[in-house]
Amino acid sequence: MEGEEEKKLKEETKVAKLDELVPVGGRLLTGFQQGLEFLLRPPIKKTSKLIENILKANETKRLKSYLEAGCINSHDRVENTSKLQTCLHGLHDHLIKVKSILNELECLLGVATAALQMANEHLSPLMDMESVVGLDPQESSGEDEMTSSRVREPEVTDYAAIMGIIYSMVKQDYTMQNKIVTSLNLKSSSEELESYSLMWSLRPYVNDQTMKLAWKLVP
């Protein structure tokens, strides 16, 4: 059966993978924002007298076609449309990877919970025996067994606590990311996309200080 250190290392590795995926997803989100903003940028306004004079002084067939096309050429339109699709596909792939790691963390949490329940079941009869019989100096082996159980039991409890705290935080972070990605569309405003990028990088549900303290529970 795996030791607590080995299980803790596995969890730390998976959480580290989640941390590595965050900036990757963030870059894809920024790429989507840049592509969409380019496609939706407003055309040149001719209300300004200065702009109107510049356009009249440089009125060519090429410039006229460019203005009629909404100030974007076909090559840039195709390139940025492709960028949107690539970034959106990458974000959905990102969610699949995060969900897979979350499922693995959930399995580790199940193992830790089962170990905690087993430890409690083994400890309970010993505690009952202590309350009824008391600590007889001649029963050194029983005392050693209880002492050993008491030493091991907090380790299992601490590990289960770590798993619960961290799993809860990263799951909420995934839920937020999923909502952001599924809400992306061609009508998303610049303000929305800017807020999404900010929340993505801030990870409001993941408390770094709590995470550091949690890892210290088990030496």
N, C-alpha and C. Protein backbone atom coordinates (compact mmCIF):
# COMPACT_ATOMS: atom_id res chain seq x y z
N MET A 1 0.84 -1.20 0.00
CA MET A 1 0.00 0.00 0.00
C MET A 1 0.88 1.26 0.00
N GLU A 2 0.50 2.26 -0.74
CA GLU A 2 1.29 3.47 -0.85
C GLU A 2 1.41 4.20 0.48
N GLY A 3 2.60 4.75 0.74
CA GLY A 3 2.79 5.56 1.93
C GLY A 3 2.22 6.94 1.73
N GLU A 4 2.09 7.68 2.84
CA GLU A 4 1.52 9.02 2.77
C GLU A 4 2.39 9.95 1.92
N GLU A 5 3.73 9.79 2.03
CA GLU A 5 4.62 10.65 1.28
C GLU A 5 4.46 10.44 -0.22
N GLU A 6 4.31 9.17 -0.61
CA GLU A 6 4.16 8.87 -2.04
C GLU A 6 2.84 9.41 -2.58
N LYS A 7 1.77 9.28 -1.80
CA LYS A 7 0.47 9.79 -2.23
C LYS A 7 0.49 11.32 -2.28
N LYS A 8 1.16 11.92 -1.31
CA LYS A 8 1.27 13.38 -1.29
C LYS A 8 2.04 13.87 -2.52
N LEU A 9 3.11 13.15 -2.88
CA LEU A 9 3.91 13.52 -4.04
C LEU A 9 3.08 13.44 -5.32
N LYS A 10 2.25 12.40 -5.41
CA LYS A 10 1.38 12.26 -6.58
C LYS A 10 0.43 13.45 -6.70
N GLU A 11 -0.14 13.83 -5.57
CA GLU A 11 -1.09 14.95 -5.60
C GLU A 11 -0.37 16.25 -5.96
N GLU A 12 0.80 16.47 -5.37
CA GLU A 12 1.56 17.68 -5.66
C GLU A 12 1.90 17.76 -7.15
N THR A 13 2.24 16.60 -7.74
CA THR A 13 2.58 16.55 -9.16
C THR A 13 1.39 16.95 -10.02
N LYS A 14 0.22 16.44 -9.66
CA LYS A 14 -0.99 16.75 -10.44
C LYS A 14 -1.40 18.21 -10.27
N VAL A 15 -1.28 18.73 -9.07
CA VAL A 15 -1.59 20.14 -8.84
C VAL A 15 -0.61 21.03 -9.60
N ALA A 16 0.66 20.59 -9.65
CA ALA A 16 1.68 21.34 -10.40
C ALA A 16 1.32 21.37 -11.89
N LYS A 17 0.79 20.25 -12.39
CA LYS A 17 0.37 20.20 -13.80
C LYS A 17 -0.77 21.19 -14.05
N LEU A 18 -1.70 21.27 -13.09
CA LEU A 18 -2.80 22.23 -13.22
C LEU A 18 -2.26 23.65 -13.25
N ASP A 19 -1.28 23.93 -12.39
CA ASP A 19 -0.67 25.27 -12.35
C ASP A 19 -0.01 25.61 -13.68
N GLU A 20 0.62 24.60 -14.30
CA GLU A 20 1.30 24.83 -15.58
C GLU A 20 0.30 25.09 -16.71
N LEU A 21 -0.88 24.49 -16.61
CA LEU A 21 -1.88 24.66 -17.66
C LEU A 21 -2.55 26.03 -17.63
N VAL A 22 -2.57 26.67 -16.45
CA VAL A 22 -3.27 27.96 -16.31
C VAL A 22 -2.74 29.02 -17.29
N PRO A 23 -1.41 29.29 -17.33
CA PRO A 23 -0.92 30.32 -18.27
C PRO A 23 -1.10 29.92 -19.73
N VAL A 24 -1.07 28.61 -20.01
CA VAL A 24 -1.28 28.14 -21.38
C VAL A 24 -2.70 28.51 -21.83
N GLY A 25 -3.68 28.20 -20.97
CA GLY A 25 -5.06 28.57 -21.27
C GLY A 25 -5.24 30.07 -21.34
N GLY A 26 -4.51 30.79 -20.48
CA GLY A 26 -4.59 32.25 -20.47
C GLY A 26 -4.13 32.86 -21.79
N ARG A 27 -3.07 32.29 -22.36
CA ARG A 27 -2.57 32.78 -23.66
C ARG A 27 -3.57 32.51 -24.78
N LEU A 28 -4.23 31.37 -24.71
CA LEU A 28 -5.26 31.05 -25.71
C LEU A 28 -6.44 32.01 -25.60
N LEU A 29 -6.80 32.34 -24.36
CA LEU A 29 -7.90 33.28 -24.14
C LEU A 29 -7.54 34.67 -24.67
N THR A 30 -6.30 35.08 -24.44
CA THR A 30 -5.82 36.37 -24.95
C THR A 30 -5.80 36.37 -26.47
N GLY A 31 -5.39 35.24 -27.05
CA GLY A 31 -5.37 35.11 -28.51
C GLY A 31 -6.77 35.24 -29.11
N PHE A 32 -7.74 34.63 -28.43
CA PHE A 32 -9.14 34.73 -28.88
C PHE A 32 -9.58 36.19 -28.82
N GLN A 33 -9.25 36.86 -27.74
CA GLN A 33 -9.62 38.27 -27.56
C GLN A 33 -9.01 39.14 -28.66
N GLN A 34 -7.74 38.94 -28.94
CA GLN A 34 -7.06 39.75 -29.96
C GLN A 34 -7.65 39.52 -31.34
N GLY A 35 -7.93 38.25 -31.66
CA GLY A 35 -8.50 37.93 -32.96
C GLY A 35 -9.88 38.53 -33.14
N LEU A 36 -10.70 38.43 -32.10
CA LEU A 36 -12.06 38.95 -32.18
C LEU A 36 -12.07 40.48 -32.26
N GLU A 37 -11.22 41.11 -31.46
CA GLU A 37 -11.16 42.58 -31.47
C GLU A 37 -10.68 43.10 -32.82
N PHE A 38 -9.79 42.36 -33.46
CA PHE A 38 -9.32 42.78 -34.78
C PHE A 38 -10.46 42.72 -35.80
N LEU A 39 -11.23 41.63 -35.75
CA LEU A 39 -12.33 41.47 -36.70
C LEU A 39 -13.45 42.48 -36.46
N LEU A 40 -13.61 42.88 -35.20
CA LEU A 40 -14.72 43.76 -34.85
C LEU A 40 -14.31 45.23 -34.68
N ARG A 41 -13.08 45.53 -35.01
CA ARG A 41 -12.64 46.92 -34.82
C ARG A 41 -13.46 47.85 -35.72
N PRO A 42 -13.81 49.01 -35.23
CA PRO A 42 -14.67 49.92 -36.00
C PRO A 42 -13.95 50.51 -37.20
N PRO A 43 -14.69 50.81 -38.25
CA PRO A 43 -14.07 51.43 -39.44
C PRO A 43 -13.65 52.86 -39.14
N ILE A 44 -12.89 53.43 -40.06
CA ILE A 44 -12.44 54.82 -39.90
C ILE A 44 -13.64 55.77 -39.97
N LYS A 45 -13.75 56.62 -38.98
CA LYS A 45 -14.84 57.60 -38.97
C LYS A 45 -14.45 58.82 -39.80
N LYS A 46 -15.33 59.18 -40.70
CA LYS A 46 -15.05 60.30 -41.59
C LYS A 46 -15.61 61.62 -41.07
N THR A 47 -16.11 61.60 -39.86
CA THR A 47 -16.70 62.82 -39.29
C THR A 47 -15.65 63.87 -38.99
N SER A 48 -14.41 63.40 -38.73
CA SER A 48 -13.32 64.34 -38.47
C SER A 48 -12.90 65.03 -39.76
N LYS A 49 -12.78 66.35 -39.71
CA LYS A 49 -12.39 67.13 -40.89
C LYS A 49 -10.99 66.75 -41.34
N LEU A 50 -10.11 66.51 -40.37
CA LEU A 50 -8.73 66.14 -40.69
C LEU A 50 -8.69 64.81 -41.45
N ILE A 51 -9.41 63.80 -40.92
CA ILE A 51 -9.45 62.49 -41.56
C ILE A 51 -10.04 62.60 -42.96
N GLU A 52 -11.10 63.39 -43.07
CA GLU A 52 -11.77 63.56 -44.37
C GLU A 52 -10.81 64.15 -45.39
N ASN A 53 -10.01 65.14 -44.98
CA ASN A 53 -9.05 65.77 -45.89
C ASN A 53 -7.94 64.80 -46.30
N ILE A 54 -7.49 63.98 -45.33
CA ILE A 54 -6.44 63.00 -45.63
C ILE A 54 -6.94 61.99 -46.65
N LEU A 55 -8.16 61.52 -46.46
CA LEU A 55 -8.74 60.53 -47.38
C LEU A 55 -8.94 61.11 -48.78
N LYS A 56 -9.37 62.36 -48.83
CA LYS A 56 -9.58 63.00 -50.13
C LYS A 56 -8.25 63.21 -50.86
N ALA A 57 -7.22 63.54 -50.09
CA ALA A 57 -5.91 63.79 -50.69
C ALA A 57 -5.24 62.51 -51.17
N ASN A 58 -5.65 61.37 -50.61
CA ASN A 58 -5.03 60.09 -50.97
C ASN A 58 -6.07 59.09 -51.48
N GLU A 59 -7.06 59.59 -52.14
CA GLU A 59 -8.15 58.72 -52.60
C GLU A 59 -7.68 57.87 -53.79
N THR A 60 -7.50 56.60 -53.52
CA THR A 60 -7.11 55.64 -54.55
C THR A 60 -8.12 54.51 -54.58
N LYS A 61 -8.05 53.71 -55.62
CA LYS A 61 -8.98 52.57 -55.74
C LYS A 61 -8.74 51.58 -54.60
N ARG A 62 -7.47 51.40 -54.28
CA ARG A 62 -7.11 50.46 -53.20
C ARG A 62 -7.66 50.94 -51.86
N LEU A 63 -7.48 52.24 -51.56
CA LEU A 63 -7.96 52.79 -50.30
C LEU A 63 -9.48 52.75 -50.24
N LYS A 64 -10.12 53.04 -51.36
CA LYS A 64 -11.58 53.03 -51.41
C LYS A 64 -12.12 51.63 -51.13
N SER A 65 -11.48 50.62 -51.72
CA SER A 65 -11.90 49.23 -51.49
C SER A 65 -11.70 48.83 -50.04
N TYR A 66 -10.58 49.31 -49.47
CA TYR A 66 -10.27 49.00 -48.07
C TYR A 66 -11.32 49.59 -47.14
N LEU A 67 -11.71 50.83 -47.40
CA LEU A 67 -12.73 51.49 -46.57
C LEU A 67 -14.08 50.81 -46.71
N GLU A 68 -14.42 50.41 -47.93
CA GLU A 68 -15.70 49.74 -48.17
C GLU A 68 -15.75 48.37 -47.50
N ALA A 69 -14.60 47.75 -47.33
CA ALA A 69 -14.53 46.43 -46.69
C ALA A 69 -14.51 46.52 -45.18
N GLY A 70 -14.65 47.73 -44.65
CA GLY A 70 -14.65 47.90 -43.19
C GLY A 70 -13.27 48.02 -42.61
N CYS A 71 -12.33 48.47 -43.42
CA CYS A 71 -10.93 48.66 -42.98
C CYS A 71 -10.25 47.36 -42.58
N ILE A 72 -10.53 46.31 -43.32
CA ILE A 72 -9.86 45.03 -43.09
C ILE A 72 -9.76 44.30 -44.41
N ASN A 73 -8.57 43.82 -44.75
CA ASN A 73 -8.42 43.10 -46.02
C ASN A 73 -8.75 41.63 -45.84
N SER A 74 -8.98 40.95 -46.94
CA SER A 74 -9.43 39.56 -46.90
C SER A 74 -8.41 38.64 -46.23
N HIS A 75 -7.12 38.91 -46.45
CA HIS A 75 -6.09 38.06 -45.84
C HIS A 75 -6.13 38.14 -44.32
N ASP A 76 -6.22 39.36 -43.80
CA ASP A 76 -6.29 39.54 -42.35
C ASP A 76 -7.57 38.94 -41.77
N ARG A 77 -8.66 39.03 -42.52
CA ARG A 77 -9.92 38.47 -42.05
C ARG A 77 -9.81 36.94 -41.92
N VAL A 78 -9.25 36.31 -42.95
CA VAL A 78 -9.09 34.85 -42.93
C VAL A 78 -8.13 34.43 -41.82
N GLU A 79 -7.03 35.17 -41.68
CA GLU A 79 -6.01 34.84 -40.68
C GLU A 79 -6.56 34.94 -39.26
N ASN A 80 -7.31 35.99 -38.99
CA ASN A 80 -7.84 36.18 -37.63
C ASN A 80 -9.03 35.27 -37.35
N THR A 81 -9.79 34.92 -38.38
CA THR A 81 -10.87 33.95 -38.20
C THR A 81 -10.28 32.59 -37.84
N SER A 82 -9.19 32.24 -38.52
CA SER A 82 -8.50 30.99 -38.21
C SER A 82 -7.92 31.02 -36.80
N LYS A 83 -7.43 32.18 -36.39
CA LYS A 83 -6.87 32.34 -35.04
C LYS A 83 -7.95 32.12 -33.98
N LEU A 84 -9.14 32.65 -34.24
CA LEU A 84 -10.26 32.46 -33.32
C LEU A 84 -10.58 30.98 -33.14
N GLN A 85 -10.66 30.27 -34.26
CA GLN A 85 -11.01 28.85 -34.22
C GLN A 85 -9.93 28.04 -33.50
N THR A 86 -8.67 28.38 -33.79
CA THR A 86 -7.55 27.66 -33.16
C THR A 86 -7.54 27.87 -31.65
N CYS A 87 -7.72 29.11 -31.22
CA CYS A 87 -7.71 29.42 -29.79
C CYS A 87 -8.90 28.78 -29.07
N LEU A 88 -10.06 28.81 -29.71
CA LEU A 88 -11.25 28.22 -29.09
C LEU A 88 -11.10 26.71 -28.97
N HIS A 89 -10.56 26.08 -30.01
CA HIS A 89 -10.31 24.63 -29.96
C HIS A 89 -9.29 24.32 -28.86
N GLY A 90 -8.25 25.16 -28.77
CA GLY A 90 -7.23 24.95 -27.74
C GLY A 90 -7.79 25.08 -26.34
N LEU A 91 -8.72 26.00 -26.14
CA LEU A 91 -9.34 26.19 -24.82
C LEU A 91 -10.20 24.99 -24.44
N HIS A 92 -10.92 24.44 -25.41
CA HIS A 92 -11.73 23.24 -25.12
C HIS A 92 -10.82 22.05 -24.81
N ASP A 93 -9.70 21.96 -25.51
CA ASP A 93 -8.73 20.90 -25.24
C ASP A 93 -8.13 21.10 -23.85
N HIS A 94 -7.90 22.35 -23.48
CA HIS A 94 -7.39 22.69 -22.14
C HIS A 94 -8.35 22.19 -21.06
N LEU A 95 -9.64 22.39 -21.26
CA LEU A 95 -10.64 21.95 -20.28
C LEU A 95 -10.64 20.43 -20.13
N ILE A 96 -10.44 19.73 -21.24
CA ILE A 96 -10.40 18.27 -21.20
C ILE A 96 -9.21 17.80 -20.35
N LYS A 97 -8.06 18.44 -20.54
CA LYS A 97 -6.86 18.08 -19.77
C LYS A 97 -7.05 18.35 -18.28
N VAL A 98 -7.62 19.52 -17.96
CA VAL A 98 -7.85 19.87 -16.56
C VAL A 98 -8.83 18.90 -15.92
N LYS A 99 -9.89 18.57 -16.64
CA LYS A 99 -10.91 17.65 -16.12
C LYS A 99 -10.31 16.28 -15.85
N SER A 100 -9.41 15.84 -16.72
CA SER A 100 -8.76 14.54 -16.54
C SER A 100 -7.92 14.52 -15.26
N ILE A 101 -7.17 15.60 -15.02
CA ILE A 101 -6.36 15.69 -13.80
C ILE A 101 -7.26 15.76 -12.57
N LEU A 102 -8.37 16.48 -12.68
CA LEU A 102 -9.33 16.57 -11.57
C LEU A 102 -9.89 15.20 -11.21
N ASN A 103 -10.17 14.40 -12.23
CA ASN A 103 -10.68 13.05 -11.99
C ASN A 103 -9.66 12.21 -11.23
N GLU A 104 -8.38 12.38 -11.58
CA GLU A 104 -7.32 11.65 -10.88
C GLU A 104 -7.20 12.12 -9.43
N LEU A 105 -7.33 13.43 -9.22
CA LEU A 105 -7.30 13.97 -7.85
C LEU A 105 -8.48 13.46 -7.04
N GLU A 106 -9.63 13.33 -7.70
CA GLU A 106 -10.82 12.82 -7.02
C GLU A 106 -10.61 11.38 -6.57
N CYS A 107 -9.93 10.60 -7.40
CA CYS A 107 -9.61 9.21 -7.02
C CYS A 107 -8.68 9.18 -5.81
N LEU A 108 -7.68 10.06 -5.81
CA LEU A 108 -6.76 10.13 -4.67
C LEU A 108 -7.51 10.55 -3.41
N LEU A 109 -8.47 11.46 -3.57
CA LEU A 109 -9.28 11.89 -2.43
C LEU A 109 -10.10 10.73 -1.89
N GLY A 110 -10.63 9.90 -2.80
CA GLY A 110 -11.40 8.73 -2.38
C GLY A 110 -10.54 7.75 -1.60
N VAL A 111 -9.30 7.56 -2.06
CA VAL A 111 -8.37 6.66 -1.35
C VAL A 111 -8.05 7.21 0.03
N ALA A 112 -7.82 8.51 0.11
CA ALA A 112 -7.50 9.14 1.40
C ALA A 112 -8.68 9.06 2.36
N THR A 113 -9.88 9.25 1.85
CA THR A 113 -11.08 9.17 2.69
C THR A 113 -11.28 7.76 3.21
N ALA A 114 -11.06 6.78 2.34
CA ALA A 114 -11.19 5.38 2.75
C ALA A 114 -10.16 5.03 3.81
N ALA A 115 -8.94 5.54 3.64
CA ALA A 115 -7.88 5.28 4.63
C ALA A 115 -8.22 5.92 5.96
N LEU A 116 -8.82 7.11 5.92
CA LEU A 116 -9.23 7.80 7.14
C LEU A 116 -10.31 7.01 7.87
N GLN A 117 -11.29 6.52 7.12
CA GLN A 117 -12.36 5.73 7.73
C GLN A 117 -11.82 4.46 8.37
N MET A 118 -10.87 3.82 7.67
CA MET A 118 -10.27 2.60 8.20
C MET A 118 -9.48 2.89 9.47
N ALA A 119 -8.76 4.01 9.47
CA ALA A 119 -7.98 4.39 10.65
C ALA A 119 -8.90 4.65 11.84
N ASN A 120 -10.02 5.31 11.58
CA ASN A 120 -10.98 5.60 12.64
C ASN A 120 -11.60 4.32 13.20
N GLU A 121 -11.87 3.36 12.31
CA GLU A 121 -12.45 2.09 12.74
C GLU A 121 -11.48 1.31 13.62
N HIS A 122 -10.19 1.36 13.27
CA HIS A 122 -9.19 0.65 14.06
C HIS A 122 -8.91 1.35 15.38
N LEU A 123 -9.03 2.68 15.36
CA LEU A 123 -8.72 3.45 16.56
C LEU A 123 -9.86 3.37 17.58
N SER A 124 -11.09 3.32 17.11
CA SER A 124 -12.26 3.35 18.00
C SER A 124 -12.26 2.24 19.04
N PRO A 125 -12.07 0.95 18.65
CA PRO A 125 -12.05 -0.11 19.67
C PRO A 125 -10.96 0.08 20.71
N LEU A 126 -9.81 0.60 20.27
CA LEU A 126 -8.71 0.82 21.20
C LEU A 126 -9.05 1.91 22.21
N MET A 127 -9.74 2.94 21.75
CA MET A 127 -10.16 4.01 22.65
C MET A 127 -11.20 3.51 23.65
N ASP A 128 -12.10 2.63 23.17
CA ASP A 128 -13.10 2.05 24.07
C ASP A 128 -12.43 1.19 25.13
N MET A 129 -11.41 0.43 24.72
CA MET A 129 -10.70 -0.43 25.65
C MET A 129 -10.00 0.40 26.71
N GLU A 130 -9.44 1.53 26.30
CA GLU A 130 -8.74 2.40 27.24
C GLU A 130 -9.70 2.95 28.28
N SER A 131 -10.90 3.33 27.85
CA SER A 131 -11.86 3.93 28.77
C SER A 131 -12.41 2.91 29.77
N VAL A 132 -12.50 1.63 29.36
CA VAL A 132 -13.07 0.61 30.24
C VAL A 132 -12.01 -0.03 31.12
N VAL A 133 -10.90 -0.45 30.51
CA VAL A 133 -9.87 -1.18 31.23
C VAL A 133 -8.87 -0.25 31.89
N GLY A 134 -8.57 0.85 31.23
CA GLY A 134 -7.54 1.76 31.74
C GLY A 134 -6.19 1.32 31.24
N LEU A 135 -5.17 2.07 31.60
CA LEU A 135 -3.83 1.75 31.15
C LEU A 135 -3.11 0.95 32.22
N ASP A 136 -2.99 -0.34 32.01
CA ASP A 136 -2.30 -1.23 32.93
C ASP A 136 -0.83 -1.23 32.57
N PRO A 137 0.06 -0.93 33.51
CA PRO A 137 1.49 -0.90 33.22
C PRO A 137 2.00 -2.20 32.63
N GLN A 138 1.33 -3.35 33.01
CA GLN A 138 1.79 -4.64 32.53
C GLN A 138 1.39 -4.87 31.07
N GLU A 139 0.42 -4.07 30.58
CA GLU A 139 -0.05 -4.26 29.21
C GLU A 139 0.69 -3.31 28.28
N SER A 140 2.03 -3.44 28.28
CA SER A 140 2.86 -2.52 27.51
C SER A 140 2.62 -2.66 26.02
N SER A 141 2.38 -3.90 25.55
CA SER A 141 2.17 -4.10 24.12
C SER A 141 0.92 -3.39 23.65
N GLY A 142 -0.16 -3.43 24.47
CA GLY A 142 -1.41 -2.73 24.11
C GLY A 142 -1.20 -1.24 24.08
N GLU A 143 -0.42 -0.75 25.06
CA GLU A 143 -0.14 0.69 25.12
C GLU A 143 0.66 1.12 23.90
N ASP A 144 1.64 0.27 23.51
CA ASP A 144 2.44 0.58 22.33
C ASP A 144 1.58 0.64 21.09
N GLU A 145 0.62 -0.30 21.03
CA GLU A 145 -0.26 -0.35 19.85
C GLU A 145 -1.11 0.90 19.76
N MET A 146 -1.64 1.33 20.93
CA MET A 146 -2.47 2.53 20.94
C MET A 146 -1.64 3.76 20.58
N THR A 147 -0.40 3.80 21.13
CA THR A 147 0.48 4.92 20.84
C THR A 147 0.79 4.99 19.36
N SER A 148 1.06 3.79 18.78
CA SER A 148 1.36 3.73 17.36
C SER A 148 0.18 4.20 16.53
N SER A 149 -1.03 3.78 16.95
CA SER A 149 -2.24 4.18 16.23
C SER A 149 -2.44 5.68 16.30
N ARG A 150 -2.15 6.25 17.49
CA ARG A 150 -2.34 7.68 17.66
C ARG A 150 -1.33 8.47 16.83
N VAL A 151 -0.14 7.87 16.62
CA VAL A 151 0.86 8.55 15.82
C VAL A 151 0.46 8.53 14.35
N ARG A 152 -0.06 7.37 13.89
CA ARG A 152 -0.41 7.23 12.49
C ARG A 152 -1.69 7.98 12.14
N GLU A 153 -2.66 7.95 13.05
CA GLU A 153 -3.98 8.50 12.74
C GLU A 153 -3.97 9.97 12.34
N PRO A 154 -3.23 10.85 13.02
CA PRO A 154 -3.19 12.25 12.58
C PRO A 154 -2.63 12.42 11.18
N GLU A 155 -1.66 11.54 10.77
CA GLU A 155 -1.10 11.64 9.44
C GLU A 155 -2.17 11.39 8.39
N VAL A 156 -2.98 10.38 8.61
CA VAL A 156 -4.06 10.07 7.68
C VAL A 156 -5.07 11.21 7.65
N THR A 157 -5.39 11.73 8.83
CA THR A 157 -6.35 12.83 8.92
C THR A 157 -5.82 14.07 8.20
N ASP A 158 -4.55 14.39 8.43
CA ASP A 158 -3.95 15.55 7.78
C ASP A 158 -3.95 15.40 6.27
N TYR A 159 -3.61 14.21 5.80
CA TYR A 159 -3.57 13.98 4.36
C TYR A 159 -4.96 14.14 3.75
N ALA A 160 -5.98 13.58 4.41
CA ALA A 160 -7.35 13.70 3.92
C ALA A 160 -7.78 15.17 3.90
N ALA A 161 -7.35 15.93 4.91
CA ALA A 161 -7.69 17.36 4.96
C ALA A 161 -7.04 18.10 3.79
N ILE A 162 -5.79 17.78 3.51
CA ILE A 162 -5.08 18.39 2.39
C ILE A 162 -5.83 18.12 1.09
N MET A 163 -6.18 16.86 0.89
CA MET A 163 -6.87 16.46 -0.33
C MET A 163 -8.17 17.22 -0.50
N GLY A 164 -8.94 17.30 0.59
CA GLY A 164 -10.24 17.97 0.53
C GLY A 164 -10.12 19.45 0.21
N ILE A 165 -9.17 20.13 0.87
CA ILE A 165 -8.97 21.57 0.66
C ILE A 165 -8.54 21.87 -0.77
N ILE A 166 -7.52 21.16 -1.22
CA ILE A 166 -6.97 21.43 -2.55
C ILE A 166 -7.94 21.04 -3.65
N TYR A 167 -8.57 19.88 -3.51
CA TYR A 167 -9.52 19.45 -4.54
C TYR A 167 -10.66 20.44 -4.69
N SER A 168 -11.15 20.94 -3.57
CA SER A 168 -12.26 21.91 -3.61
C SER A 168 -11.85 23.18 -4.35
N MET A 169 -10.64 23.67 -4.09
CA MET A 169 -10.19 24.91 -4.73
C MET A 169 -9.99 24.74 -6.23
N VAL A 170 -9.30 23.67 -6.63
CA VAL A 170 -9.01 23.51 -8.05
C VAL A 170 -10.26 23.14 -8.84
N LYS A 171 -11.21 22.47 -8.19
CA LYS A 171 -12.47 22.15 -8.88
C LYS A 171 -13.26 23.42 -9.17
N GLN A 172 -13.30 24.33 -8.19
CA GLN A 172 -13.99 25.61 -8.41
C GLN A 172 -13.30 26.43 -9.49
N ASP A 173 -11.97 26.34 -9.53
CA ASP A 173 -11.21 27.05 -10.56
C ASP A 173 -11.57 26.50 -11.94
N TYR A 174 -11.67 25.17 -12.03
CA TYR A 174 -12.06 24.53 -13.30
C TYR A 174 -13.46 24.95 -13.72
N THR A 175 -14.38 24.98 -12.76
CA THR A 175 -15.76 25.37 -13.05
C THR A 175 -15.80 26.79 -13.62
N MET A 176 -15.00 27.69 -13.04
CA MET A 176 -14.93 29.06 -13.54
C MET A 176 -14.39 29.09 -14.97
N GLN A 177 -13.32 28.35 -15.22
CA GLN A 177 -12.72 28.31 -16.55
C GLN A 177 -13.72 27.76 -17.57
N ASN A 178 -14.44 26.72 -17.17
CA ASN A 178 -15.42 26.11 -18.06
C ASN A 178 -16.52 27.11 -18.45
N LYS A 179 -16.98 27.88 -17.47
CA LYS A 179 -18.01 28.89 -17.73
C LYS A 179 -17.50 29.98 -18.66
N ILE A 180 -16.23 30.36 -18.47
CA ILE A 180 -15.64 31.38 -19.34
C ILE A 180 -15.57 30.89 -20.78
N VAL A 181 -15.04 29.68 -20.96
CA VAL A 181 -14.86 29.14 -22.32
C VAL A 181 -16.20 28.94 -23.03
N THR A 182 -17.18 28.40 -22.31
CA THR A 182 -18.48 28.14 -22.94
C THR A 182 -19.26 29.42 -23.25
N SER A 183 -18.86 30.53 -22.64
CA SER A 183 -19.55 31.79 -22.89
C SER A 183 -18.94 32.58 -24.06
N LEU A 184 -17.79 32.14 -24.55
CA LEU A 184 -17.12 32.85 -25.64
C LEU A 184 -17.89 32.74 -26.95
N ASN A 185 -18.08 33.86 -27.61
CA ASN A 185 -18.74 33.88 -28.91
C ASN A 185 -18.36 35.16 -29.65
N LEU A 186 -18.83 35.29 -30.88
CA LEU A 186 -18.46 36.45 -31.70
C LEU A 186 -19.06 37.75 -31.20
N LYS A 187 -20.00 37.66 -30.26
CA LYS A 187 -20.62 38.86 -29.71
C LYS A 187 -20.01 39.28 -28.37
N SER A 188 -19.02 38.52 -27.90
CA SER A 188 -18.36 38.86 -26.64
C SER A 188 -17.71 40.24 -26.75
N SER A 189 -17.97 41.10 -25.78
CA SER A 189 -17.41 42.45 -25.81
C SER A 189 -15.97 42.46 -25.30
N SER A 190 -15.26 43.52 -25.63
CA SER A 190 -13.88 43.67 -25.16
C SER A 190 -13.82 43.71 -23.64
N GLU A 191 -14.81 44.37 -23.03
CA GLU A 191 -14.85 44.46 -21.57
C GLU A 191 -15.02 43.07 -20.94
N GLU A 192 -15.90 42.27 -21.53
CA GLU A 192 -16.11 40.91 -21.02
C GLU A 192 -14.83 40.09 -21.13
N LEU A 193 -14.22 40.13 -22.30
CA LEU A 193 -13.01 39.34 -22.54
C LEU A 193 -11.87 39.78 -21.63
N GLU A 194 -11.77 41.08 -21.38
CA GLU A 194 -10.74 41.60 -20.48
C GLU A 194 -10.96 41.08 -19.06
N SER A 195 -12.23 41.06 -18.64
CA SER A 195 -12.57 40.56 -17.30
C SER A 195 -12.30 39.06 -17.20
N TYR A 196 -12.62 38.32 -18.27
CA TYR A 196 -12.36 36.88 -18.29
C TYR A 196 -10.87 36.59 -18.13
N SER A 197 -10.05 37.33 -18.87
CA SER A 197 -8.59 37.13 -18.81
C SER A 197 -8.06 37.44 -17.42
N LEU A 198 -8.59 38.48 -16.81
CA LEU A 198 -8.16 38.87 -15.46
C LEU A 198 -8.51 37.80 -14.44
N MET A 199 -9.75 37.30 -14.49
CA MET A 199 -10.19 36.26 -13.56
C MET A 199 -9.41 34.97 -13.77
N TRP A 200 -9.11 34.68 -15.04
CA TRP A 200 -8.36 33.46 -15.37
C TRP A 200 -6.99 33.47 -14.71
N SER A 201 -6.31 34.60 -14.79
CA SER A 201 -4.96 34.70 -14.22
C SER A 201 -4.97 34.86 -12.70
N LEU A 202 -6.00 35.52 -12.17
CA LEU A 202 -6.09 35.72 -10.72
C LEU A 202 -6.42 34.44 -9.97
N ARG A 203 -7.22 33.55 -10.58
CA ARG A 203 -7.67 32.30 -9.95
C ARG A 203 -8.25 32.59 -8.55
N PRO A 204 -9.35 33.33 -8.48
CA PRO A 204 -9.91 33.77 -7.20
C PRO A 204 -10.28 32.65 -6.24
N TYR A 205 -10.54 31.45 -6.76
CA TYR A 205 -10.94 30.34 -5.89
C TYR A 205 -9.74 29.59 -5.31
N VAL A 206 -8.55 29.89 -5.83
CA VAL A 206 -7.34 29.21 -5.35
C VAL A 206 -6.56 30.16 -4.45
N ASN A 207 -6.53 29.85 -3.17
CA ASN A 207 -5.82 30.67 -2.19
C ASN A 207 -4.40 30.12 -2.04
N ASP A 208 -3.42 30.85 -2.55
CA ASP A 208 -2.04 30.38 -2.52
C ASP A 208 -1.54 30.16 -1.09
N GLN A 209 -1.94 31.04 -0.19
CA GLN A 209 -1.51 30.92 1.20
C GLN A 209 -2.08 29.66 1.83
N THR A 210 -3.36 29.41 1.56
CA THR A 210 -3.99 28.19 2.07
C THR A 210 -3.33 26.96 1.49
N MET A 211 -2.98 27.03 0.21
CA MET A 211 -2.33 25.91 -0.46
C MET A 211 -0.98 25.60 0.19
N LYS A 212 -0.20 26.63 0.47
CA LYS A 212 1.11 26.42 1.10
C LYS A 212 0.97 25.83 2.50
N LEU A 213 0.00 26.35 3.25
CA LEU A 213 -0.23 25.83 4.60
C LEU A 213 -0.70 24.38 4.56
N ALA A 214 -1.52 24.06 3.57
CA ALA A 214 -2.05 22.70 3.45
C ALA A 214 -0.93 21.71 3.22
N TRP A 215 0.04 22.06 2.36
CA TRP A 215 1.13 21.14 2.08
C TRP A 215 2.01 20.90 3.31
N LYS A 216 2.02 21.86 4.23
CA LYS A 216 2.85 21.72 5.42
C LYS A 216 2.22 20.83 6.49
N LEU A 217 0.96 20.45 6.29
CA LEU A 217 0.29 19.61 7.29
C LEU A 217 0.95 18.24 7.41
N VAL A 218 1.45 17.77 6.27
CA VAL A 218 2.16 16.48 6.29
C VAL A 218 3.61 16.75 5.97
N PRO A 219 4.53 16.36 6.85
CA PRO A 219 5.95 16.65 6.65
C PRO A 219 6.54 15.90 5.45
